[in-house]
Amino acid sequence: MQNDPELNGKYLGTITQDFATVADTLKEASYQIRKRTISRYPIFVFTKEATSIGSLLINADELALQWHIYASYLDDFVGRKIIGLDKIDDFEQAYKNPDEFCCLFVIDVEFTNFVFIPFPED
């Protein structure tokens, strides 16, 4: 549940570029998911193809981004068996402060994993 050392520059560059563009939107969405008690563990799915995980938050085509971004949360991932019942505690322990970090689930052909990226400082 940590940043994967296999996350090479190809992914890191495009993810951080798009993340920088939408960080404020993701920070607000994370806050709203937590404030409305939907979940204490928001997860944002970054994918280049459409997915059924979560709800589309940002369409890449509309903002000239490389990644579509979907909003989701821990219970959705458990319900879809992406995170096993026996791994919930591990996930919660690894989850970083959502006021400081954004939890991404990156889905691509060669890489699928969780990545925590710090929100830019104001």
N, C-alpha and C. Protein backbone atom coordinates (compact mmCIF):
# COMPACT_ATOMS: atom_id res chain seq x y z
N MET A 1 0.82 -1.19 0.00
CA MET A 1 0.00 0.00 0.00
C MET A 1 0.87 1.26 0.00
N GLN A 2 2.06 1.17 -0.50
CA GLN A 2 2.93 2.33 -0.53
C GLN A 2 3.15 2.75 -1.97
N ASN A 3 3.80 3.89 -2.14
CA ASN A 3 4.16 4.28 -3.49
C ASN A 3 5.05 3.20 -4.05
N ASP A 4 4.70 2.69 -5.21
CA ASP A 4 5.41 1.57 -5.80
C ASP A 4 6.71 2.05 -6.42
N PRO A 5 7.84 1.41 -6.09
CA PRO A 5 9.11 1.81 -6.69
C PRO A 5 9.12 1.59 -8.19
N GLU A 6 8.18 0.77 -8.68
CA GLU A 6 8.09 0.50 -10.11
C GLU A 6 7.41 1.64 -10.87
N LEU A 7 6.90 2.62 -10.13
CA LEU A 7 6.25 3.75 -10.78
C LEU A 7 7.32 4.56 -11.48
N ASN A 8 7.49 4.31 -12.76
CA ASN A 8 8.57 4.95 -13.48
C ASN A 8 8.20 6.36 -13.93
N GLY A 9 9.15 7.03 -14.53
CA GLY A 9 8.96 8.41 -14.95
C GLY A 9 7.82 8.60 -15.91
N LYS A 10 7.55 7.60 -16.75
CA LYS A 10 6.45 7.69 -17.71
C LYS A 10 5.14 7.97 -16.99
N TYR A 11 4.88 7.23 -15.94
CA TYR A 11 3.65 7.43 -15.20
C TYR A 11 3.73 8.64 -14.30
N LEU A 12 4.80 8.75 -13.57
CA LEU A 12 4.92 9.84 -12.61
C LEU A 12 4.77 11.19 -13.29
N GLY A 13 5.38 11.36 -14.44
CA GLY A 13 5.30 12.64 -15.15
C GLY A 13 3.89 12.99 -15.58
N THR A 14 3.20 12.05 -16.22
CA THR A 14 1.85 12.36 -16.71
C THR A 14 0.85 12.47 -15.56
N ILE A 15 1.03 11.65 -14.54
CA ILE A 15 0.11 11.71 -13.40
C ILE A 15 0.29 13.03 -12.66
N THR A 16 1.52 13.40 -12.35
CA THR A 16 1.74 14.63 -11.60
C THR A 16 1.35 15.86 -12.41
N GLN A 17 1.52 15.80 -13.72
CA GLN A 17 1.12 16.93 -14.56
C GLN A 17 -0.40 17.12 -14.48
N ASP A 18 -1.15 16.05 -14.66
CA ASP A 18 -2.61 16.14 -14.55
C ASP A 18 -3.03 16.47 -13.12
N PHE A 19 -2.35 15.85 -12.15
CA PHE A 19 -2.70 16.09 -10.75
C PHE A 19 -2.55 17.57 -10.40
N ALA A 20 -1.48 18.20 -10.86
CA ALA A 20 -1.26 19.62 -10.57
C ALA A 20 -2.41 20.46 -11.11
N THR A 21 -2.97 20.07 -12.25
CA THR A 21 -4.07 20.82 -12.86
C THR A 21 -5.35 20.70 -12.05
N VAL A 22 -5.59 19.52 -11.45
CA VAL A 22 -6.87 19.25 -10.80
C VAL A 22 -6.78 19.10 -9.29
N ALA A 23 -5.63 19.39 -8.70
CA ALA A 23 -5.42 19.16 -7.26
C ALA A 23 -6.46 19.84 -6.39
N ASP A 24 -6.81 21.07 -6.70
CA ASP A 24 -7.80 21.78 -5.89
C ASP A 24 -9.16 21.10 -5.95
N THR A 25 -9.54 20.63 -7.12
CA THR A 25 -10.81 19.92 -7.29
C THR A 25 -10.80 18.62 -6.49
N LEU A 26 -9.68 17.88 -6.55
CA LEU A 26 -9.58 16.62 -5.83
C LEU A 26 -9.56 16.84 -4.32
N LYS A 27 -8.90 17.90 -3.89
CA LYS A 27 -8.86 18.20 -2.45
C LYS A 27 -10.27 18.51 -1.94
N GLU A 28 -11.02 19.28 -2.71
CA GLU A 28 -12.40 19.62 -2.33
C GLU A 28 -13.28 18.37 -2.36
N ALA A 29 -13.13 17.53 -3.37
CA ALA A 29 -13.92 16.30 -3.46
C ALA A 29 -13.61 15.38 -2.28
N SER A 30 -12.34 15.28 -1.92
CA SER A 30 -11.93 14.47 -0.78
C SER A 30 -12.58 15.00 0.49
N TYR A 31 -12.56 16.31 0.66
CA TYR A 31 -13.16 16.94 1.83
C TYR A 31 -14.67 16.64 1.87
N GLN A 32 -15.35 16.77 0.74
CA GLN A 32 -16.80 16.54 0.69
C GLN A 32 -17.15 15.08 0.98
N ILE A 33 -16.35 14.15 0.47
CA ILE A 33 -16.60 12.72 0.74
C ILE A 33 -16.49 12.46 2.24
N ARG A 34 -15.51 13.08 2.88
CA ARG A 34 -15.33 12.89 4.32
C ARG A 34 -16.36 13.66 5.12
N LYS A 35 -16.65 14.90 4.73
CA LYS A 35 -17.61 15.74 5.46
C LYS A 35 -19.00 15.12 5.45
N ARG A 36 -19.37 14.55 4.34
CA ARG A 36 -20.71 13.95 4.21
C ARG A 36 -20.75 12.53 4.77
N THR A 37 -19.70 12.14 5.42
CA THR A 37 -19.53 10.81 6.03
C THR A 37 -19.79 9.66 5.06
N ILE A 38 -19.47 9.89 3.80
CA ILE A 38 -19.53 8.81 2.81
C ILE A 38 -18.41 7.83 3.12
N SER A 39 -17.23 8.37 3.41
CA SER A 39 -16.08 7.53 3.75
C SER A 39 -14.98 8.40 4.34
N ARG A 40 -14.20 7.80 5.22
CA ARG A 40 -13.00 8.47 5.73
C ARG A 40 -11.82 8.24 4.79
N TYR A 41 -12.04 7.42 3.74
CA TYR A 41 -10.94 7.01 2.86
C TYR A 41 -11.30 7.24 1.39
N PRO A 42 -11.28 8.51 0.93
CA PRO A 42 -11.52 8.77 -0.49
C PRO A 42 -10.38 8.21 -1.34
N ILE A 43 -10.73 7.72 -2.51
CA ILE A 43 -9.76 7.20 -3.48
C ILE A 43 -10.13 7.77 -4.84
N PHE A 44 -9.14 8.27 -5.57
CA PHE A 44 -9.38 8.82 -6.89
C PHE A 44 -8.70 7.93 -7.92
N VAL A 45 -9.51 7.42 -8.83
CA VAL A 45 -9.04 6.48 -9.85
C VAL A 45 -8.56 7.28 -11.06
N PHE A 46 -7.30 7.10 -11.42
CA PHE A 46 -6.72 7.71 -12.61
C PHE A 46 -6.64 6.61 -13.67
N THR A 47 -7.30 6.80 -14.78
CA THR A 47 -7.30 5.80 -15.84
C THR A 47 -7.41 6.48 -17.20
N LYS A 48 -6.84 5.85 -18.20
CA LYS A 48 -6.92 6.41 -19.56
C LYS A 48 -8.14 5.88 -20.30
N GLU A 49 -8.72 4.80 -19.79
CA GLU A 49 -9.92 4.20 -20.37
C GLU A 49 -11.07 4.33 -19.37
N ALA A 50 -12.28 4.26 -19.86
CA ALA A 50 -13.44 4.30 -18.97
C ALA A 50 -13.40 3.12 -18.01
N THR A 51 -13.89 3.32 -16.79
CA THR A 51 -13.94 2.26 -15.80
C THR A 51 -15.28 2.31 -15.06
N SER A 52 -15.63 1.20 -14.47
CA SER A 52 -16.86 1.16 -13.68
C SER A 52 -16.59 1.45 -12.21
N ILE A 53 -15.32 1.68 -11.87
CA ILE A 53 -14.96 1.95 -10.48
C ILE A 53 -15.21 3.42 -10.18
N GLY A 54 -16.07 3.69 -9.23
CA GLY A 54 -16.34 5.06 -8.82
C GLY A 54 -17.24 5.80 -9.80
N SER A 55 -17.28 7.11 -9.62
CA SER A 55 -18.08 8.00 -10.47
C SER A 55 -17.15 8.96 -11.19
N LEU A 56 -17.41 9.18 -12.47
CA LEU A 56 -16.56 10.09 -13.23
C LEU A 56 -16.61 11.47 -12.60
N LEU A 57 -15.45 11.97 -12.23
CA LEU A 57 -15.34 13.30 -11.63
C LEU A 57 -14.81 14.29 -12.66
N ILE A 58 -13.78 13.87 -13.40
CA ILE A 58 -13.15 14.75 -14.38
C ILE A 58 -12.90 13.96 -15.66
N ASN A 59 -13.51 14.41 -16.75
CA ASN A 59 -13.30 13.80 -18.06
C ASN A 59 -12.04 14.41 -18.66
N ALA A 60 -11.06 13.58 -18.95
CA ALA A 60 -9.78 14.06 -19.49
C ALA A 60 -9.97 14.90 -20.74
N ASP A 61 -10.89 14.50 -21.61
CA ASP A 61 -11.08 15.21 -22.87
C ASP A 61 -11.55 16.64 -22.67
N GLU A 62 -12.30 16.89 -21.62
CA GLU A 62 -12.85 18.22 -21.39
C GLU A 62 -11.81 19.21 -20.88
N LEU A 63 -10.75 18.69 -20.24
CA LEU A 63 -9.71 19.58 -19.69
C LEU A 63 -8.36 19.36 -20.35
N ALA A 64 -8.32 18.64 -21.45
CA ALA A 64 -7.08 18.33 -22.16
C ALA A 64 -6.07 17.66 -21.24
N LEU A 65 -6.56 16.69 -20.48
CA LEU A 65 -5.71 15.89 -19.59
C LEU A 65 -5.41 14.55 -20.25
N GLN A 66 -4.45 13.81 -19.67
CA GLN A 66 -4.15 12.48 -20.18
C GLN A 66 -4.93 11.40 -19.44
N TRP A 67 -5.43 11.72 -18.25
CA TRP A 67 -6.10 10.74 -17.39
C TRP A 67 -7.51 11.18 -17.06
N HIS A 68 -8.46 10.24 -17.14
CA HIS A 68 -9.81 10.45 -16.60
C HIS A 68 -9.70 10.21 -15.10
N ILE A 69 -10.50 10.92 -14.32
CA ILE A 69 -10.43 10.79 -12.87
C ILE A 69 -11.82 10.47 -12.33
N TYR A 70 -11.89 9.37 -11.59
CA TYR A 70 -13.12 8.91 -10.97
C TYR A 70 -13.00 9.03 -9.46
N ALA A 71 -14.08 9.39 -8.80
CA ALA A 71 -14.09 9.47 -7.34
C ALA A 71 -14.66 8.18 -6.78
N SER A 72 -13.98 7.64 -5.78
CA SER A 72 -14.44 6.43 -5.13
C SER A 72 -14.00 6.48 -3.67
N TYR A 73 -14.09 5.32 -3.00
CA TYR A 73 -13.75 5.27 -1.58
C TYR A 73 -13.55 3.82 -1.18
N LEU A 74 -13.04 3.62 0.02
CA LEU A 74 -12.65 2.30 0.48
C LEU A 74 -13.77 1.26 0.37
N ASP A 75 -14.97 1.56 0.86
CA ASP A 75 -16.05 0.56 0.84
C ASP A 75 -16.38 0.09 -0.58
N ASP A 76 -16.28 1.00 -1.55
CA ASP A 76 -16.51 0.62 -2.95
C ASP A 76 -15.45 -0.38 -3.40
N PHE A 77 -14.19 -0.14 -3.03
CA PHE A 77 -13.10 -1.04 -3.41
C PHE A 77 -13.25 -2.40 -2.73
N VAL A 78 -13.74 -2.40 -1.50
CA VAL A 78 -13.98 -3.67 -0.80
C VAL A 78 -15.14 -4.41 -1.46
N GLY A 79 -16.20 -3.69 -1.77
CA GLY A 79 -17.36 -4.30 -2.42
C GLY A 79 -17.03 -4.90 -3.77
N ARG A 80 -16.09 -4.31 -4.47
CA ARG A 80 -15.67 -4.81 -5.78
C ARG A 80 -14.54 -5.85 -5.67
N LYS A 81 -14.16 -6.14 -4.44
CA LYS A 81 -13.10 -7.12 -4.14
C LYS A 81 -11.74 -6.71 -4.71
N ILE A 82 -11.53 -5.39 -4.87
CA ILE A 82 -10.21 -4.89 -5.24
C ILE A 82 -9.33 -4.91 -3.99
N ILE A 83 -9.94 -4.60 -2.86
CA ILE A 83 -9.29 -4.72 -1.56
C ILE A 83 -10.05 -5.81 -0.80
N GLY A 84 -9.33 -6.86 -0.41
CA GLY A 84 -9.96 -7.96 0.31
C GLY A 84 -10.34 -7.57 1.73
N LEU A 85 -11.31 -8.27 2.27
CA LEU A 85 -11.73 -8.00 3.65
C LEU A 85 -10.56 -8.12 4.61
N ASP A 86 -9.64 -9.03 4.33
CA ASP A 86 -8.49 -9.24 5.19
C ASP A 86 -7.42 -8.15 5.03
N LYS A 87 -7.60 -7.25 4.08
CA LYS A 87 -6.61 -6.19 3.82
C LYS A 87 -7.11 -4.80 4.21
N ILE A 88 -8.33 -4.70 4.76
CA ILE A 88 -8.88 -3.40 5.12
C ILE A 88 -7.99 -2.71 6.17
N ASP A 89 -7.59 -3.43 7.21
CA ASP A 89 -6.75 -2.83 8.24
C ASP A 89 -5.42 -2.35 7.66
N ASP A 90 -4.83 -3.15 6.77
CA ASP A 90 -3.57 -2.74 6.13
C ASP A 90 -3.76 -1.46 5.33
N PHE A 91 -4.87 -1.38 4.59
CA PHE A 91 -5.14 -0.18 3.81
C PHE A 91 -5.31 1.03 4.72
N GLU A 92 -6.09 0.87 5.77
CA GLU A 92 -6.33 2.00 6.69
C GLU A 92 -5.03 2.45 7.35
N GLN A 93 -4.14 1.52 7.68
CA GLN A 93 -2.85 1.87 8.29
C GLN A 93 -1.95 2.61 7.30
N ALA A 94 -2.00 2.20 6.03
CA ALA A 94 -1.14 2.82 5.01
C ALA A 94 -1.69 4.14 4.50
N TYR A 95 -2.98 4.38 4.69
CA TYR A 95 -3.64 5.58 4.16
C TYR A 95 -3.04 6.82 4.83
N LYS A 96 -2.67 7.78 4.01
CA LYS A 96 -2.05 9.00 4.54
C LYS A 96 -3.10 10.07 4.79
N ASN A 97 -2.75 11.03 5.61
CA ASN A 97 -3.65 12.13 5.98
C ASN A 97 -4.29 12.74 4.73
N PRO A 98 -5.63 12.62 4.58
CA PRO A 98 -6.28 13.10 3.35
C PRO A 98 -6.33 14.62 3.21
N ASP A 99 -5.96 15.35 4.26
CA ASP A 99 -5.84 16.80 4.12
C ASP A 99 -4.51 17.17 3.48
N GLU A 100 -3.56 16.24 3.51
CA GLU A 100 -2.22 16.51 2.98
C GLU A 100 -1.89 15.69 1.73
N PHE A 101 -2.49 14.49 1.62
CA PHE A 101 -2.17 13.59 0.51
C PHE A 101 -3.44 13.15 -0.20
N CYS A 102 -3.30 12.90 -1.49
CA CYS A 102 -4.39 12.37 -2.29
C CYS A 102 -4.09 10.91 -2.60
N CYS A 103 -5.05 10.04 -2.33
CA CYS A 103 -4.90 8.62 -2.61
C CYS A 103 -5.40 8.37 -4.03
N LEU A 104 -4.48 7.95 -4.90
CA LEU A 104 -4.83 7.64 -6.28
C LEU A 104 -4.76 6.14 -6.49
N PHE A 105 -5.63 5.62 -7.31
CA PHE A 105 -5.55 4.25 -7.79
C PHE A 105 -5.35 4.37 -9.28
N VAL A 106 -4.14 4.08 -9.73
CA VAL A 106 -3.77 4.26 -11.13
C VAL A 106 -4.01 2.95 -11.87
N ILE A 107 -4.77 3.03 -12.94
CA ILE A 107 -5.05 1.85 -13.77
C ILE A 107 -4.52 2.12 -15.17
N ASP A 108 -3.57 1.30 -15.60
CA ASP A 108 -3.07 1.37 -16.97
C ASP A 108 -2.64 -0.03 -17.38
N VAL A 109 -2.30 -0.20 -18.61
CA VAL A 109 -1.95 -1.52 -19.13
C VAL A 109 -0.79 -2.15 -18.36
N GLU A 110 0.24 -1.37 -18.09
CA GLU A 110 1.45 -1.91 -17.47
C GLU A 110 1.54 -1.68 -15.96
N PHE A 111 0.61 -0.92 -15.41
CA PHE A 111 0.73 -0.53 -14.00
C PHE A 111 -0.66 -0.34 -13.40
N THR A 112 -0.91 -0.99 -12.30
CA THR A 112 -2.14 -0.78 -11.53
C THR A 112 -1.77 -0.83 -10.06
N ASN A 113 -1.92 0.30 -9.37
CA ASN A 113 -1.55 0.33 -7.96
C ASN A 113 -2.02 1.62 -7.31
N PHE A 114 -1.93 1.65 -5.99
CA PHE A 114 -2.22 2.86 -5.23
C PHE A 114 -0.98 3.75 -5.20
N VAL A 115 -1.21 5.04 -5.26
CA VAL A 115 -0.14 6.03 -5.18
C VAL A 115 -0.66 7.17 -4.32
N PHE A 116 0.15 7.64 -3.38
CA PHE A 116 -0.22 8.80 -2.56
C PHE A 116 0.62 9.99 -3.05
N ILE A 117 -0.05 11.07 -3.40
CA ILE A 117 0.63 12.27 -3.90
C ILE A 117 0.26 13.42 -2.97
N PRO A 118 1.26 14.18 -2.51
CA PRO A 118 0.93 15.32 -1.65
C PRO A 118 0.22 16.42 -2.41
N PHE A 119 -0.78 17.02 -1.76
CA PHE A 119 -1.43 18.18 -2.33
C PHE A 119 -0.43 19.33 -2.33
N PRO A 120 -0.50 20.21 -3.34
CA PRO A 120 0.39 21.39 -3.32
C PRO A 120 0.10 22.26 -2.11
N GLU A 121 1.13 22.87 -1.59
CA GLU A 121 0.96 23.81 -0.47
C GLU A 121 0.30 25.07 -0.99
N ASP A 122 -0.57 25.65 -0.17
CA ASP A 122 -1.26 26.89 -0.60
C ASP A 122 -0.31 28.05 -0.67
